[in-house]
Protein backbone atom coordinates (compact mmCIF):
# COMPACT_ATOMS: atom_id res chain seq x y z
CA MET A 1 -34.60 70.87 143.99
CA THR A 2 -33.54 74.12 142.26
CA ASP A 3 -35.84 77.09 141.65
CA CYS A 4 -35.84 76.30 137.91
CA ALA A 5 -36.87 72.72 138.62
CA TYR A 6 -39.77 73.94 140.79
CA LEU A 7 -40.86 76.36 138.06
CA LEU A 8 -40.75 73.58 135.47
CA LEU A 9 -42.77 71.26 137.71
CA ASP A 10 -45.36 74.00 138.34
CA TRP A 11 -45.64 74.63 134.58
CA ILE A 12 -46.15 70.92 133.85
CA MET A 13 -48.85 70.60 136.52
CA SER A 14 -50.58 73.80 135.38
CA ASN A 15 -50.56 72.64 131.77
CA ALA A 16 -52.01 69.25 132.78
CA VAL A 17 -54.86 70.88 134.73
CA SER A 18 -55.59 73.20 131.79
CA LYS A 19 -55.95 70.16 129.55
CA ASP A 20 -58.32 68.57 132.08
CA ILE A 21 -60.48 71.72 132.10
CA SER A 22 -60.57 71.75 128.30
CA LEU A 23 -61.52 68.07 128.29
CA ILE A 24 -64.50 68.68 130.60
CA GLN A 25 -65.56 71.76 128.64
CA ARG A 26 -65.62 69.78 125.37
CA ILE A 27 -68.22 67.33 126.74
CA ASP A 28 -71.59 68.55 125.47
CA ALA A 29 -73.49 66.64 128.18
CA VAL A 30 -71.79 68.43 131.12
CA PRO A 31 -74.15 71.47 131.30
CA THR A 32 -77.12 69.11 131.21
CA ILE A 33 -75.60 66.97 133.98
CA LEU A 34 -75.08 70.02 136.20
CA GLU A 35 -78.65 71.21 135.54
CA THR A 36 -80.02 67.74 136.34
CA VAL A 37 -78.00 67.50 139.56
CA ALA A 38 -79.31 70.92 140.66
CA ALA A 39 -82.91 69.94 139.81
CA THR A 40 -82.61 66.57 141.54
CA THR A 41 -80.92 67.75 144.73
CA GLY A 42 -82.19 71.32 145.09
CA LEU A 43 -78.58 72.54 145.44
CA ARG A 44 -77.93 75.94 143.90
CA PHE A 45 -74.20 75.51 143.40
CA VAL A 46 -72.90 72.47 141.50
CA CYS A 47 -69.50 71.93 139.91
CA ILE A 48 -66.99 69.44 138.58
CA ALA A 49 -63.59 69.88 140.20
CA ARG A 50 -60.13 68.57 139.32
CA VAL A 51 -58.49 67.59 142.58
CA THR A 52 -54.80 66.71 142.80
CA GLY A 53 -52.46 66.20 145.72
CA ASP A 54 -52.16 69.94 146.30
CA SER A 55 -54.76 71.71 144.15
CA TRP A 56 -58.52 72.14 143.64
CA THR A 57 -59.61 73.62 140.28
CA SER A 58 -63.14 74.12 138.94
CA CYS A 59 -63.70 72.59 135.48
CA ALA A 60 -67.45 73.28 135.07
CA VAL A 61 -69.76 75.39 137.23
CA LEU A 62 -73.49 75.98 137.74
CA ASP A 63 -73.82 78.86 140.21
CA ARG A 64 -77.25 80.13 141.21
CA LEU A 65 -76.03 81.35 144.59
CA GLY A 66 -73.65 84.02 143.39
CA PHE A 67 -70.88 81.97 144.98
CA GLY A 68 -68.48 83.63 142.55
CA LEU A 69 -66.48 80.61 141.47
CA LYS A 70 -65.79 80.39 137.74
CA VAL A 71 -64.25 77.79 135.43
CA GLY A 72 -60.50 77.64 136.04
CA ASP A 73 -60.67 79.17 139.54
CA GLU A 74 -58.72 77.48 142.30
CA LEU A 75 -59.36 76.91 145.99
CA ASP A 76 -56.95 75.95 148.73
CA VAL A 77 -57.53 72.20 148.69
CA THR A 78 -56.96 72.01 152.45
CA THR A 79 -60.08 74.16 152.98
CA THR A 80 -62.30 71.76 151.00
CA LEU A 81 -63.98 68.45 151.79
CA CYS A 82 -62.93 67.22 148.35
CA GLU A 83 -59.54 66.61 149.91
CA GLU A 84 -61.20 64.04 152.17
CA VAL A 85 -62.94 62.46 149.17
CA ARG A 86 -59.57 62.25 147.41
CA ASP A 87 -57.85 60.62 150.36
CA THR A 88 -60.61 58.11 151.19
CA SER A 89 -62.07 57.52 147.70
CA ARG A 90 -65.50 57.80 149.33
CA ALA A 91 -68.31 60.31 148.92
CA VAL A 92 -69.04 62.96 151.52
CA ILE A 93 -72.77 63.67 151.97
CA ILE A 94 -74.21 66.13 154.49
CA ASP A 95 -77.94 66.88 154.79
CA CYS A 96 -77.58 69.51 157.49
CA VAL A 97 -74.23 70.63 158.87
CA SER A 98 -75.75 71.99 162.09
CA ASP A 99 -77.14 68.56 162.98
CA ASP A 100 -74.16 66.53 161.76
CA PRO A 101 -71.93 65.23 164.62
CA VAL A 102 -68.92 64.90 162.30
CA TYR A 103 -69.02 68.18 160.36
CA ARG A 104 -70.87 70.70 162.56
CA ASP A 105 -67.55 71.91 164.01
CA HIS A 106 -65.54 71.38 160.80
CA HIS A 107 -63.72 74.38 159.36
CA THR A 108 -64.93 73.91 155.77
CA PRO A 109 -68.65 74.63 156.36
CA ARG A 110 -67.69 77.72 158.35
CA ILE A 111 -65.42 78.98 155.56
CA TYR A 112 -67.93 78.52 152.74
CA GLY A 113 -71.16 78.95 154.67
CA PHE A 114 -73.11 75.88 153.61
CA GLU A 115 -75.57 73.62 155.41
CA SER A 116 -75.98 70.90 152.75
CA TYR A 117 -73.13 69.39 150.77
CA ILE A 118 -72.37 66.44 148.52
CA SER A 119 -69.15 65.35 146.85
CA ILE A 120 -68.93 62.20 144.70
CA PRO A 121 -65.51 60.96 143.50
CA ILE A 122 -64.86 60.76 139.77
CA PHE A 123 -62.49 57.99 138.74
CA LEU A 124 -61.01 57.60 135.28
CA GLN A 125 -61.55 54.28 133.52
CA ASN A 126 -58.04 53.15 134.50
CA GLY A 127 -58.95 53.62 138.19
CA GLU A 128 -57.06 56.89 138.59
CA TYR A 129 -58.74 59.54 140.75
CA PHE A 130 -59.71 62.66 138.75
CA GLY A 131 -61.76 64.82 141.07
CA THR A 132 -65.32 65.27 142.27
CA LEU A 133 -68.86 66.08 141.22
CA CYS A 134 -69.92 68.29 144.10
CA GLY A 135 -72.58 70.73 145.21
CA LEU A 136 -73.58 72.84 148.18
CA ASP A 137 -76.28 75.17 149.47
CA PRO A 138 -76.77 77.42 152.53
CA LEU A 139 -80.03 75.58 153.22
CA PRO A 140 -80.39 71.96 154.40
CA ALA A 141 -81.32 69.34 151.76
CA LYS A 142 -82.15 65.63 151.78
CA LEU A 143 -79.03 64.44 149.99
CA SER A 144 -78.50 61.09 151.70
CA LEU A 145 -81.57 59.52 150.08
CA PRO A 146 -80.60 56.37 148.13
CA SER A 147 -82.15 57.78 144.94
CA ILE A 148 -79.99 60.93 145.20
CA THR A 149 -76.72 59.12 145.91
CA ALA A 150 -77.41 56.58 143.12
CA SER A 151 -78.13 59.36 140.61
CA MET A 152 -75.04 61.34 141.59
CA THR A 153 -72.87 58.22 141.32
CA LEU A 154 -74.33 57.51 137.88
CA PHE A 155 -73.56 61.06 136.73
CA ALA A 156 -69.97 60.78 138.04
CA GLN A 157 -69.56 57.56 136.05
CA LEU A 158 -71.08 59.21 132.97
CA ILE A 159 -68.57 62.07 133.20
CA SER A 160 -65.75 59.52 133.40
CA LEU A 161 -67.07 57.61 130.37
CA GLN A 162 -67.42 60.83 128.38
CA MET A 163 -63.86 61.87 129.25
CA GLN A 164 -62.59 58.51 128.04
CA ALA A 165 -64.64 58.72 124.85
CA ASP A 166 -63.42 62.24 124.10
CA SER A 167 -59.80 61.27 124.70
CA GLN A 168 -60.16 58.20 122.49
CA LEU A 169 -61.79 60.22 119.71
CA ALA A 170 -58.95 62.75 119.92
CA ASP A 171 -56.44 59.90 119.71
CA THR A 172 -58.36 58.43 116.78
CA ARG A 173 -58.25 61.68 114.86
CA GLY A 174 -54.51 61.79 115.47
CA LEU A 175 -54.19 58.29 114.09
CA LEU A 176 -56.22 59.25 111.02
CA ALA A 177 -53.56 61.81 110.16
CA ASP A 178 -50.85 59.15 110.05
CA ALA A 179 -49.34 57.75 106.90
CA ARG A 180 -51.15 55.20 104.70
CA GLU A 181 -49.32 52.23 106.23
CA THR A 182 -51.22 52.78 109.51
CA ALA A 183 -54.66 52.92 107.86
CA GLU A 184 -55.73 49.39 108.75
CA LEU A 185 -54.71 49.85 112.39
CA ARG A 186 -56.59 53.14 112.83
CA GLU A 187 -59.74 51.81 111.18
CA GLN A 188 -59.74 48.74 113.42
CA PHE A 189 -59.30 51.05 116.40
CA ILE A 190 -62.34 53.11 115.33
CA ALA A 191 -64.41 49.95 114.96
CA VAL A 192 -63.50 48.82 118.49
CA LEU A 193 -64.17 52.33 119.80
CA GLY A 194 -67.62 52.38 118.20
CA HIS A 195 -68.48 49.02 119.71
CA ASP A 196 -67.28 49.98 123.19
CA LEU A 197 -69.16 53.29 123.17
CA ARG A 198 -72.51 51.68 122.42
CA THR A 199 -72.68 49.95 125.83
CA PRO A 200 -72.51 53.10 128.01
CA LEU A 201 -74.77 54.98 125.59
CA GLY A 202 -77.37 52.24 125.93
CA ALA A 203 -77.07 52.43 129.70
CA ILE A 204 -77.61 56.20 129.65
CA LEU A 205 -80.71 55.91 127.47
CA ALA A 206 -82.07 53.18 129.74
CA ALA A 207 -81.50 55.38 132.79
CA VAL A 208 -83.31 58.27 131.06
CA GLU A 209 -86.31 56.07 130.32
CA VAL A 210 -86.42 54.84 133.93
CA GLY A 211 -86.36 58.45 135.11
CA ARG A 212 -89.19 59.41 132.75
CA LEU A 213 -91.34 56.52 134.02
CA ARG A 214 -91.16 57.96 137.54
CA ARG A 215 -93.24 60.95 136.34
CA PRO A 216 -90.88 63.77 137.28
CA ASP A 217 -91.87 67.45 137.23
CA GLU A 218 -91.81 69.36 133.94
CA LYS A 219 -88.34 70.84 134.46
CA THR A 220 -86.76 67.48 135.25
CA LEU A 221 -88.64 65.85 132.36
CA ALA A 222 -87.23 68.48 130.00
CA LEU A 223 -83.73 67.69 131.29
CA PHE A 224 -84.30 63.97 130.70
CA ASP A 225 -85.44 64.77 127.16
CA HIS A 226 -82.31 66.84 126.57
CA ILE A 227 -80.05 64.07 127.86
CA GLY A 228 -81.87 61.58 125.61
CA ARG A 229 -81.45 63.79 122.53
CA SER A 230 -77.76 64.38 123.27
CA THR A 231 -77.15 60.66 123.79
CA ARG A 232 -78.91 59.76 120.55
CA ARG A 233 -76.77 62.34 118.73
CA ILE A 234 -73.62 60.70 120.11
CA ALA A 235 -75.01 57.29 119.11
CA ALA A 236 -75.58 58.60 115.56
CA LEU A 237 -71.96 59.77 115.41
CA VAL A 238 -70.81 56.34 116.57
CA ASP A 239 -72.93 54.69 113.88
CA ASP A 240 -71.34 56.94 111.25
CA VAL A 241 -67.87 55.95 112.43
CA VAL A 242 -68.74 52.24 112.32
CA ASP A 243 -70.26 52.59 108.83
CA PHE A 244 -67.16 54.39 107.65
CA THR A 245 -64.91 51.69 109.08
CA ARG A 246 -66.87 48.88 107.47
CA GLY A 247 -66.74 50.63 104.12
CA ARG A 248 -63.01 51.25 104.29
CA MET A 249 -62.22 47.71 105.48
CA GLY A 250 -64.03 46.11 102.56
CA GLY A 251 -67.37 45.16 104.12
CA GLY A 252 -69.32 48.04 102.61
CA ILE A 253 -72.42 49.68 104.03
CA VAL A 254 -74.73 46.90 105.25
CA ILE A 255 -78.25 47.07 103.77
CA ALA A 256 -81.34 44.91 104.18
CA LEU A 257 -83.50 45.22 101.07
CA ARG A 258 -87.25 44.92 100.99
CA GLU A 259 -90.11 46.18 98.87
CA GLU A 260 -91.14 49.38 100.65
CA HIS A 261 -94.58 50.92 99.99
CA LYS A 262 -94.56 53.69 102.63
CA LEU A 263 -91.19 55.35 102.23
CA HIS A 264 -92.88 58.77 102.35
CA LEU A 265 -93.97 58.03 105.93
CA VAL A 266 -90.41 57.05 106.87
CA PHE A 267 -89.19 60.36 105.42
CA GLU A 268 -91.93 62.32 107.21
CA GLN A 269 -90.67 60.96 110.54
CA VAL A 270 -87.10 62.06 109.75
CA ILE A 271 -88.32 65.54 108.82
CA ALA A 272 -90.46 65.79 111.96
CA GLU A 273 -87.49 64.91 114.17
CA LEU A 274 -85.29 67.56 112.55
CA ARG A 275 -88.05 70.16 112.78
CA ASP A 276 -88.19 69.42 116.50
CA ILE A 277 -84.41 69.82 116.83
CA HIS A 278 -84.34 73.00 114.67
CA PRO A 279 -87.65 74.75 115.46
CA GLU A 280 -86.29 78.03 114.11
CA ARG A 281 -85.81 76.58 110.61
CA GLU A 282 -88.42 75.94 107.92
CA ILE A 283 -88.37 72.58 106.15
CA ARG A 284 -90.77 72.25 103.21
CA ALA A 285 -91.63 68.75 102.04
CA ARG A 286 -93.32 67.43 98.90
CA LEU A 287 -93.26 63.69 99.35
CA GLU A 288 -94.93 61.65 96.63
CA PRO A 289 -96.11 58.23 97.84
CA ILE A 290 -93.86 55.67 96.18
CA GLY A 291 -95.16 52.12 95.82
CA GLY A 292 -92.96 49.06 95.76
CA LEU A 293 -89.50 50.62 95.94
CA LEU A 294 -86.77 48.04 96.57
CA CYS A 295 -84.59 49.58 99.29
CA ASP A 296 -83.46 49.53 102.88
CA PRO A 297 -85.88 51.99 104.58
CA GLY A 298 -83.59 52.53 107.57
CA ARG A 299 -80.66 53.43 105.35
CA MET A 300 -82.86 55.68 103.21
CA ALA A 301 -83.93 57.49 106.39
CA GLN A 302 -80.25 57.85 107.34
CA MET A 303 -79.50 59.28 103.90
CA LEU A 304 -82.26 61.89 104.16
CA SER A 305 -81.27 62.76 107.73
CA ASN A 306 -77.64 63.36 106.72
CA LEU A 307 -78.63 65.42 103.66
CA LEU A 308 -81.07 67.51 105.69
CA LYS A 309 -78.55 68.14 108.48
CA ASN A 310 -76.03 69.24 105.86
CA ALA A 311 -78.57 71.60 104.29
CA LEU A 312 -79.56 73.08 107.66
CA ILE A 313 -75.93 73.67 108.62
CA HIS A 314 -74.72 75.17 105.35
CA GLY A 315 -77.87 76.76 103.93
CA ASP A 316 -79.11 80.31 104.39
CA PRO A 317 -80.79 80.19 107.85
CA ALA A 318 -83.40 82.73 106.71
CA GLN A 319 -84.52 80.54 103.80
CA PRO A 320 -86.38 77.21 103.84
CA VAL A 321 -84.84 73.83 103.10
CA GLU A 322 -86.86 71.83 100.57
CA VAL A 323 -87.29 68.06 100.34
CA SER A 324 -89.05 66.29 97.47
CA THR A 325 -89.50 62.77 96.13
CA VAL A 326 -90.80 61.62 92.79
CA MET A 327 -90.94 58.48 90.67
CA ASP A 328 -90.32 59.20 87.00
CA ASP A 329 -90.25 56.43 84.42
CA GLY A 330 -89.20 53.81 86.95
CA VAL A 331 -86.50 56.02 88.51
CA PHE A 332 -86.89 57.14 92.13
CA GLN A 333 -85.54 60.60 92.90
CA LEU A 334 -84.93 62.26 96.29
CA THR A 335 -83.93 65.94 96.24
CA VAL A 336 -82.80 68.13 99.15
CA THR A 337 -82.30 71.83 98.35
CA ASN A 338 -81.02 74.72 100.44
CA ARG A 339 -80.67 78.38 99.52
CA GLY A 340 -77.32 80.08 99.71
CA PRO A 341 -74.24 80.89 97.65
CA ARG A 342 -72.83 78.56 95.02
CA ILE A 343 -70.40 75.90 96.25
CA PRO A 344 -66.95 76.49 94.70
CA ASP A 345 -65.73 73.71 92.41
CA GLU A 346 -62.74 72.91 94.61
CA VAL A 347 -65.08 72.39 97.57
CA ARG A 348 -67.67 70.43 95.57
CA ARG A 349 -65.00 67.92 94.56
CA GLN A 350 -64.27 67.20 98.24
CA LEU A 351 -67.86 66.91 99.53
CA PHE A 352 -68.14 63.13 99.65
CA LYS A 353 -64.70 62.46 101.11
CA PRO A 354 -64.60 61.16 104.71
CA PHE A 355 -63.55 63.45 107.57
CA TRP A 356 -63.72 66.50 105.31
CA ARG A 357 -65.53 69.66 106.36
CA GLY A 358 -65.70 72.83 104.32
CA SER A 359 -65.69 75.32 107.21
CA LEU A 360 -64.01 75.49 110.58
CA GLU A 361 -67.09 77.33 111.83
CA VAL A 362 -69.08 74.08 111.76
CA ALA A 363 -66.31 71.84 113.09
CA ARG A 364 -68.38 70.93 116.14
CA GLU A 365 -71.34 69.76 114.06
CA GLY A 366 -69.94 66.29 113.44
CA LEU A 367 -67.02 64.22 112.28
CA GLY A 368 -67.32 65.08 108.59
CA LEU A 369 -68.74 61.67 107.68
CA GLY A 370 -72.35 62.55 106.83
CA LEU A 371 -72.02 63.02 103.07
CA PHE A 372 -69.55 60.15 102.79
CA ILE A 373 -72.15 57.87 104.38
CA VAL A 374 -74.75 59.24 101.93
CA SER A 375 -72.55 58.32 98.98
CA GLU A 376 -71.95 54.83 100.41
CA ILE A 377 -75.68 54.25 100.91
CA ALA A 378 -76.33 55.38 97.35
CA ARG A 379 -73.63 53.05 96.02
CA SER A 380 -74.97 50.11 98.04
CA HIS A 381 -78.40 50.67 96.44
CA GLN A 382 -76.77 50.89 92.97
CA GLY A 383 -77.94 54.49 92.84
CA SER A 384 -76.20 57.82 92.31
CA ILE A 385 -75.86 61.06 94.25
CA ASP A 386 -75.30 64.33 92.36
CA VAL A 387 -74.80 67.94 93.41
CA HIS A 388 -76.26 70.87 91.46
CA THR A 389 -75.14 74.26 92.73
CA SER A 390 -75.68 77.85 91.61
CA ASP A 391 -75.86 81.35 93.06
CA GLN A 392 -79.46 80.62 94.11
CA GLY A 393 -78.75 77.46 96.09
CA THR A 394 -77.59 73.85 96.14
CA SER A 395 -79.46 70.59 95.51
CA PHE A 396 -78.35 67.07 96.40
CA ILE A 397 -80.14 64.59 94.17
CA TYR A 398 -80.29 60.83 94.75
CA ARG A 399 -81.53 58.61 91.91
CA ALA A 400 -82.04 54.86 91.72
CA HIS A 401 -84.12 52.53 89.55
CA ALA A 402 -87.07 51.15 91.49
CA SER A 403 -85.92 47.57 90.83
CA ASN A 404 -82.23 48.24 91.52
CA SER A 405 -80.11 47.17 94.49
CA THR A 406 -80.25 43.48 93.57
CA GLY A 407 -76.56 43.28 94.37
CA GLN A 408 -77.21 43.26 98.11
CA ARG A 409 -74.25 42.83 100.43
C-alpha cells in the first residue's frame, strides 16, 4: 500500500472515531450513567471508550482520581484490558489485582496503577462491537457482585440503545428534508421509530423504580430521580413525534372527551412539575375552577405543558411566566404569558409549523413540535389558539366553547 493510501485510511478511521465521540457526547443520559456507575461501584474513574482493532479512544469521562484522561484522548490499545474484552466479547472484572491469580502479574495494572477494574462490552444493535464501559480505582472494590455486574450490563445496553436512537433520529431529520414525494415514507419511519423507542424507555423507567424500592442512599436516589426525569423527557419527545405523524397521515390528534370538573387541578400538577424542573423560574398561576368542561384532560395538560415550556425557553428569565384560566359567557380561555421582546411578524407566522424553531440557541430544547402539537390539540377540540405579542411580552390564548369538541375523532 502506498503512503497516500495509508494516509487516506488513517483519515477515514480518524473521522469515524470522531463521529463516534460526537454521538456519545450528544446523549444527554451519559453523564448520569457515569455518575451512577461511580456511585454504585465506588470507582473514581469511569469512562466510555471506543475500541477498534488498533485504537482505544475515550468518548466520555468521569475522573475523580486526576487520572488525566480527557474526551478524545487515546491509549495504546495493547496496554489496556479493553483489548481482551474486544477479542473475547466478555467482561473483565477484577476486585483486587494483588489477589487475582490471572491479573496480579499482568502488565496493564502495573502501567496504570489500579487494584480494582471493570470493563463491560458495548455492542451496537446490529451486533457490532463498539467499545467498553469501564472503570478503575487504586483501591480494591467489590465489583464481581451480581448486582454490580447486572447494573453495568444494563448501562452498557442503555448506551447502545441511546446510540441507535440518536442515529435514527439523525436519519429521520435527514429524511424530513427530502422532497415532498418522500413525505409518506419518512412519516411512517417516524411512527415506527416512536413505537420502537417506547419499549426500551419503559424498561429504563422500570429499572429506576426497582432501584428506588431498594432504598438507596441519598446520592444514588438523586441519580435515579435524574435518570427518571431524563427518560420521561425522551418519552415526551417520542409522544410528540407520534402525534405529529398521526396528524400528518390523516388520523389527527387522538382525544378522549369527557365532562371535566377539576381541570384546574390537572393544570396545577403540570405547573408543579415544571416548577420542579425550573426552580430558578417564577410561574404565577390564576386558575379559576371550571365546572363541566367537555375536553380531554390529558391533552389539555399536554397543551399547557407545551405552552409553558415555550414561555420558559423564550421569555425573559428574570420575569415571571403567567398562567390563567377563565370561563366567560360559555367560552373557556387558557392564557400563558411571558415577558420579553415582541415576536417579529415573520417569526409569528411560522410558530405553529412542525419542526420549526426560531433560534439556534435553543436547538437542543426539543424537536420543534411543541406548538404544532398545541395547535392540533386546539383543532381537535374545535377551539382556537391565538398569539398576542408586543414590546412588553407575548401571550398564547386558547379558546373553546364549553360544549364544543362534539366532533371527536
